[in-house]
C-alpha cells in the first residue's frame, strides 16, 4: 500500500524510570495526506488516541520492549447488507 506524506505528533504525559526499565505514556495524533499532485492540505485519514511504551536498557542503550497504541476514533459503521443477492 502506498500512501502520501504522514504527519504525526506525540505528547508525553508521564515518564517513569526505575533501574533498567522505563515507561512512557501519552497521546498521539496522525494524519495521512494524499499523494501529490492532489491537495495535500486535506488529510485522507486522521487518528488520535493514547500510547504506552516500555523500554529496557541493555548495553547502555534504551530499546523499546512494548509499544501499545489505542485509538480514540470510533470504527466506521459497517456497510449495509445487500438485500438483493
Protein backbone atom coordinates (compact mmCIF):
# COMPACT_ATOMS: atom_id res chain seq x y z
CA UNK A 1 0.00 0.00 0.00
CA UNK A 2 1.41 3.34 -0.99
CA UNK A 3 0.40 6.46 0.93
CA UNK A 4 1.13 10.13 0.74
CA UNK A 5 3.02 12.13 3.35
CA UNK A 6 2.37 11.34 7.02
CA UNK A 7 2.23 13.94 9.79
CA UNK A 8 2.24 12.91 13.44
CA UNK A 9 2.72 14.22 16.95
CA UNK A 10 3.44 12.51 20.27
CA UNK A 11 2.72 14.31 23.54
CA UNK A 12 4.31 12.69 26.59
CA UNK A 13 2.15 12.83 29.71
CA UNK A 14 4.33 10.74 32.01
CA UNK A 15 7.73 9.07 32.13
CA UNK A 16 8.80 6.70 34.89
CA UNK A 17 12.33 5.25 35.09
CA UNK A 18 13.39 2.53 37.53
CA UNK A 19 16.78 0.87 37.16
CA UNK A 20 16.92 -0.54 33.62
CA UNK A 21 13.20 -0.13 32.86
CA UNK A 22 11.30 2.94 31.70
CA UNK A 23 7.67 3.50 30.81
CA UNK A 24 6.31 6.43 28.83
CA UNK A 25 2.61 7.26 28.38
CA UNK A 26 0.94 9.97 26.34
CA UNK A 27 -1.26 10.90 23.42
CA UNK A 28 -0.74 10.81 19.67
CA UNK A 29 -2.22 12.32 16.53
CA UNK A 30 -1.56 11.21 12.97
CA UNK A 31 -2.65 12.45 9.54
CA UNK A 32 -2.11 10.73 6.21
CA UNK A 33 -2.19 13.15 3.32
CA UNK A 34 -2.97 12.35 -0.32
CA UNK A 35 -0.14 11.79 -2.76
CA UNK A 36 0.89 14.83 -4.77
CA UNK A 37 -0.28 16.41 -7.01
CA UNK A 38 -3.56 16.19 -5.03
CA UNK A 39 -4.43 18.89 -2.48
CA UNK A 40 -2.13 17.88 0.39
CA UNK A 41 -3.73 20.35 2.84
CA UNK A 42 -6.68 17.98 3.40
CA UNK A 43 -5.84 14.65 5.09
CA UNK A 44 -7.38 11.45 3.71
CA UNK A 45 -7.13 9.81 7.16
CA UNK A 46 -6.74 11.10 10.70
CA UNK A 47 -6.41 9.29 14.02
CA UNK A 48 -5.72 10.20 17.62
CA UNK A 49 -5.51 8.30 20.88
CA UNK A 50 -3.18 7.12 23.63
CA UNK A 51 0.09 5.21 23.74
CA UNK A 52 2.29 3.44 26.27
CA UNK A 53 5.85 2.37 25.51
CA UNK A 54 8.03 0.32 27.86
CA UNK A 55 11.80 0.42 27.41
CA UNK A 56 14.61 -1.77 28.70
CA UNK A 57 18.25 -0.68 28.97
CA UNK A 58 20.75 -3.17 27.57
CA UNK A 59 24.43 -2.45 26.92
CA UNK A 60 23.85 1.23 27.82
CA UNK A 61 21.17 1.60 25.10
CA UNK A 62 17.42 2.00 25.62
CA UNK A 63 15.33 -0.36 23.48
CA UNK A 64 11.55 -0.47 23.15
CA UNK A 65 10.20 -3.65 24.74
CA UNK A 66 6.45 -2.99 24.30
CA UNK A 67 4.72 -0.27 22.27
CA UNK A 68 0.94 -0.08 22.54
CA UNK A 69 -1.46 2.41 20.95
CA UNK A 70 -5.21 2.74 21.43
CA UNK A 71 -7.22 4.84 19.02
CA UNK A 72 -9.94 7.16 20.31
CA UNK A 73 -11.56 7.32 16.86
CA UNK A 74 -14.58 5.03 16.51
CA UNK A 75 -14.56 2.44 13.76
CA UNK A 76 -16.67 3.32 10.71
CA UNK A 77 -20.17 1.88 10.58
CA UNK A 78 -20.40 -1.38 8.63
CA UNK A 79 -21.80 -1.20 5.12
CA UNK A 80 -25.48 -2.10 4.93
CA UNK A 81 -26.18 -5.70 4.00
CA UNK A 82 -27.16 -6.13 0.37
CA UNK A 83 -30.73 -7.48 0.44
CA UNK A 84 -30.76 -8.42 -3.27
CA UNK A 85 -28.49 -11.44 -3.71
